[in-house]
Amino acid sequence: MAHLPPRLAWEDIQRAIDAIDVTTPSGMRDRAIMLVLATTGLRNKELRALELKDIRWRTAEVLVLRTKGKRDRVVPLLNEAGAALANYILHARPKVDNPHVLLSYAPPARPFKCAASISRIVRSRLEQAGIELPSAAGAHLLRHSLATQLVRRRRPINEVADLLGHRSIDTTAIYVKVALPQLADVALPFPGDAS
């Protein structure tokens, strides 16, 4: 399991999301952040760059532009994540003329410019739920957790690569290490084996 990215069990992520108080604007925003990161595999930078026009509500998709791989992609927006995002936009997002979806509440309301801001929100919400975290726990931890979850659920590796926006399947292959039971199913018998 060397070089396997840190990850959390989906149950822990769900527990952290469920623990967020959505009666406050920051709670609504943070729940949307957590759900979108945990279910779409967006990178921190991609989430911060997300604009209102990039959300395709009718088809439940998010258009991801300006990616690390310089390729645009479309990712599915699951019901729970879409509902949290809509709740934030309609009821908690500052009423300012800015195309970015996620805005800080510190005056003047503006997009998050720094990756550390989103990672702090993620880490804080996970810690508030009492989840034991690896040293590097931020937005990318949710991305790694999603990839691991998908591989464990036997999703095709090329599908996982497409969702994550990996240009090379080799980048995604690190997650195959978590699928030891599946690998045992396809293993050929050892040539020197007596049976």
Protein backbone atom coordinates (compact mmCIF):
# COMPACT_ATOMS: atom_id res chain seq x y z
CA MET A 1 0.00 0.00 0.00
CA ALA A 2 3.02 2.27 -0.41
CA HIS A 3 2.24 5.60 -2.05
CA LEU A 4 -1.49 5.22 -1.55
CA PRO A 5 -3.03 8.66 -0.97
CA PRO A 6 -4.66 9.23 2.42
CA ARG A 7 -8.40 8.64 2.40
CA LEU A 8 -11.43 8.43 4.65
CA ALA A 9 -14.27 5.97 4.77
CA TRP A 10 -17.46 7.29 3.17
CA GLU A 11 -19.26 6.77 6.50
CA ASP A 12 -16.90 9.26 8.17
CA ILE A 13 -17.38 11.83 5.42
CA GLN A 14 -21.15 11.42 5.60
CA ARG A 15 -21.04 11.78 9.39
CA ALA A 16 -19.13 15.07 9.04
CA ILE A 17 -21.61 16.34 6.44
CA ASP A 18 -24.59 15.34 8.58
CA ALA A 19 -23.10 17.14 11.60
CA ILE A 20 -23.05 20.55 9.85
CA ASP A 21 -25.58 23.03 11.24
CA VAL A 22 -27.44 24.23 8.14
CA THR A 23 -29.38 26.93 9.99
CA THR A 24 -26.48 29.34 9.42
CA PRO A 25 -25.23 30.74 6.11
CA SER A 26 -21.73 29.35 6.67
CA GLY A 27 -23.22 25.96 7.50
CA MET A 28 -25.19 25.93 4.24
CA ARG A 29 -22.09 26.93 2.29
CA ASP A 30 -19.82 24.43 4.03
CA ARG A 31 -22.27 21.56 3.54
CA ALA A 32 -22.41 22.39 -0.18
CA ILE A 33 -18.60 22.50 -0.32
CA MET A 34 -18.25 19.14 1.43
CA LEU A 35 -20.88 17.41 -0.70
CA VAL A 36 -19.63 18.76 -4.00
CA LEU A 37 -16.03 17.83 -3.23
CA ALA A 38 -16.96 14.39 -1.89
CA THR A 39 -19.21 13.43 -4.80
CA THR A 40 -17.71 15.06 -7.89
CA GLY A 41 -13.97 14.66 -7.34
CA LEU A 42 -13.36 18.33 -8.10
CA ARG A 43 -9.97 19.71 -7.19
CA ASN A 44 -9.82 22.63 -4.76
CA LYS A 45 -8.90 25.04 -7.56
CA GLU A 46 -11.73 23.75 -9.77
CA LEU A 47 -14.25 24.28 -6.98
CA ARG A 48 -13.01 27.81 -6.32
CA ALA A 49 -13.21 28.63 -10.06
CA LEU A 50 -16.77 27.28 -10.37
CA GLU A 51 -19.17 29.92 -11.70
CA LEU A 52 -22.96 29.99 -11.61
CA LYS A 53 -23.15 29.43 -15.38
CA ASP A 54 -21.11 26.20 -15.01
CA ILE A 55 -23.94 24.43 -13.18
CA ARG A 56 -26.34 22.67 -15.53
CA TRP A 57 -29.32 22.26 -13.25
CA ARG A 58 -31.63 20.53 -15.76
CA THR A 59 -29.13 17.78 -16.57
CA ALA A 60 -27.61 17.63 -13.05
CA GLU A 61 -24.08 18.28 -14.26
CA VAL A 62 -21.22 20.60 -13.51
CA LEU A 63 -19.02 21.90 -16.30
CA VAL A 64 -15.45 22.01 -15.04
CA LEU A 65 -13.35 24.54 -16.91
CA ARG A 66 -9.74 25.57 -16.56
CA THR A 67 -8.64 22.20 -15.18
CA LYS A 68 -5.16 21.12 -14.19
CA GLY A 69 -4.99 18.98 -17.33
CA LYS A 70 -6.13 21.92 -19.51
CA ARG A 71 -9.20 19.92 -20.57
CA ASP A 72 -12.77 20.84 -19.79
CA ARG A 73 -14.93 18.04 -18.42
CA VAL A 74 -18.46 17.46 -17.23
CA VAL A 75 -19.14 15.74 -13.90
CA PRO A 76 -22.46 14.51 -12.53
CA LEU A 77 -24.13 16.51 -9.77
CA LEU A 78 -25.82 14.04 -7.44
CA ASN A 79 -29.19 14.94 -5.90
CA GLU A 80 -27.92 15.61 -2.37
CA ALA A 81 -25.00 17.74 -3.59
CA GLY A 82 -27.25 19.63 -6.03
CA ALA A 83 -29.83 20.31 -3.32
CA ALA A 84 -27.14 21.59 -0.94
CA LEU A 85 -25.69 23.81 -3.64
CA ALA A 86 -29.12 25.20 -4.58
CA ASN A 87 -29.94 25.81 -0.90
CA TYR A 88 -26.68 27.74 -0.46
CA ILE A 89 -27.15 29.80 -3.65
CA LEU A 90 -30.77 30.66 -2.91
CA HIS A 91 -30.58 31.27 0.84
CA ALA A 92 -27.01 31.86 2.01
CA ARG A 93 -24.83 33.16 -0.80
CA PRO A 94 -24.02 36.86 -0.39
CA LYS A 95 -26.10 38.99 -2.74
CA VAL A 96 -23.29 40.44 -4.80
CA ASP A 97 -22.67 40.72 -8.52
CA ASN A 98 -20.01 38.03 -8.84
CA PRO A 99 -20.18 35.00 -11.12
CA HIS A 100 -18.36 32.64 -8.73
CA VAL A 101 -20.51 30.17 -6.81
CA LEU A 102 -18.59 30.13 -3.54
CA LEU A 103 -17.94 33.40 -1.77
CA SER A 104 -16.38 34.30 1.54
CA TYR A 105 -18.47 36.06 4.14
CA ALA A 106 -15.70 38.43 5.19
CA PRO A 107 -16.46 41.88 3.75
CA PRO A 108 -16.27 42.47 0.91
CA ALA A 109 -17.79 39.12 -0.15
CA ARG A 110 -15.53 37.68 -2.81
CA PRO A 111 -14.39 34.34 -4.29
CA PHE A 112 -11.90 32.22 -2.37
CA LYS A 113 -8.50 32.91 -3.90
CA CYS A 114 -6.45 30.64 -1.71
CA ALA A 115 -6.64 26.83 -1.64
CA ALA A 116 -5.95 26.90 2.08
CA SER A 117 -9.33 28.58 2.73
CA ILE A 118 -11.34 25.67 1.31
CA SER A 119 -9.02 23.09 2.88
CA ARG A 120 -9.45 24.78 6.29
CA ILE A 121 -13.23 24.51 5.95
CA VAL A 122 -13.00 20.81 5.07
CA ARG A 123 -10.55 20.04 7.87
CA SER A 124 -12.60 21.99 10.40
CA ARG A 125 -15.83 20.19 9.47
CA LEU A 126 -14.14 16.79 9.67
CA GLU A 127 -12.58 17.63 13.05
CA GLN A 128 -15.92 18.89 14.40
CA ALA A 129 -17.36 15.43 13.65
CA GLY A 130 -14.55 13.84 15.68
CA ILE A 131 -12.90 12.15 12.72
CA GLU A 132 -9.26 11.18 13.13
CA LEU A 133 -7.39 12.85 10.29
CA PRO A 134 -4.09 12.26 8.53
CA SER A 135 -1.64 15.14 8.68
CA ALA A 136 -2.54 16.28 5.16
CA ALA A 137 -6.29 16.66 5.51
CA GLY A 138 -8.01 19.15 3.27
CA ALA A 139 -10.07 19.30 0.13
CA HIS A 140 -7.88 16.78 -1.70
CA LEU A 141 -8.59 14.19 1.01
CA LEU A 142 -12.21 14.09 -0.17
CA ARG A 143 -11.08 13.62 -3.79
CA HIS A 144 -8.85 10.68 -2.81
CA SER A 145 -11.64 9.20 -0.71
CA LEU A 146 -14.07 9.35 -3.65
CA ALA A 147 -11.59 7.70 -6.02
CA THR A 148 -10.94 4.93 -3.50
CA GLN A 149 -14.67 4.42 -2.95
CA LEU A 150 -15.34 4.15 -6.69
CA VAL A 151 -12.55 1.60 -7.20
CA ARG A 152 -13.83 -0.46 -4.28
CA ARG A 153 -17.27 -0.43 -5.87
CA ARG A 154 -15.72 -1.89 -9.01
CA ARG A 155 -16.19 1.16 -11.22
CA PRO A 156 -14.04 0.88 -14.37
CA ILE A 157 -10.69 2.60 -13.88
CA ASN A 158 -11.13 4.67 -17.06
CA GLU A 159 -14.46 5.96 -15.69
CA VAL A 160 -12.73 7.00 -12.45
CA ALA A 161 -9.95 8.67 -14.47
CA ASP A 162 -12.51 10.61 -16.53
CA LEU A 163 -14.37 11.79 -13.43
CA LEU A 164 -11.14 12.97 -11.79
CA GLY A 165 -9.89 14.58 -14.99
CA HIS A 166 -6.72 12.52 -15.18
CA ARG A 167 -5.02 12.67 -18.57
CA SER A 168 -3.21 9.41 -17.96
CA ILE A 169 -4.78 6.25 -16.58
CA ASP A 170 -1.45 5.66 -14.79
CA THR A 171 -2.29 8.54 -12.47
CA THR A 172 -5.54 6.83 -11.50
CA ALA A 173 -3.92 3.41 -11.18
CA ILE A 174 -2.63 4.19 -7.68
CA TYR A 175 -6.18 3.63 -6.41
CA VAL A 176 -6.22 0.04 -7.72
CA LYS A 177 -4.10 -0.90 -4.71
CA VAL A 178 -7.19 -0.65 -2.52
CA ALA A 179 -8.98 -3.25 -4.62
CA LEU A 180 -7.03 -6.30 -3.40
CA PRO A 181 -10.11 -8.58 -3.23
CA GLN A 182 -10.99 -7.69 -6.84
CA LEU A 183 -7.38 -8.25 -7.94
CA ALA A 184 -7.42 -11.71 -6.32
CA ASP A 185 -10.51 -12.56 -8.40
CA VAL A 186 -8.63 -12.01 -11.67
CA ALA A 187 -5.23 -13.36 -10.62
CA LEU A 188 -3.88 -16.20 -12.73
CA PRO A 189 -2.59 -19.31 -10.97
CA PHE A 190 1.13 -19.34 -10.25
CA PRO A 191 2.85 -21.39 -12.98
CA GLY A 192 4.72 -23.58 -10.46
CA ASP A 193 1.60 -24.27 -8.38
CA ALA A 194 0.76 -27.98 -8.06
CA SER A 195 -3.01 -27.48 -8.29
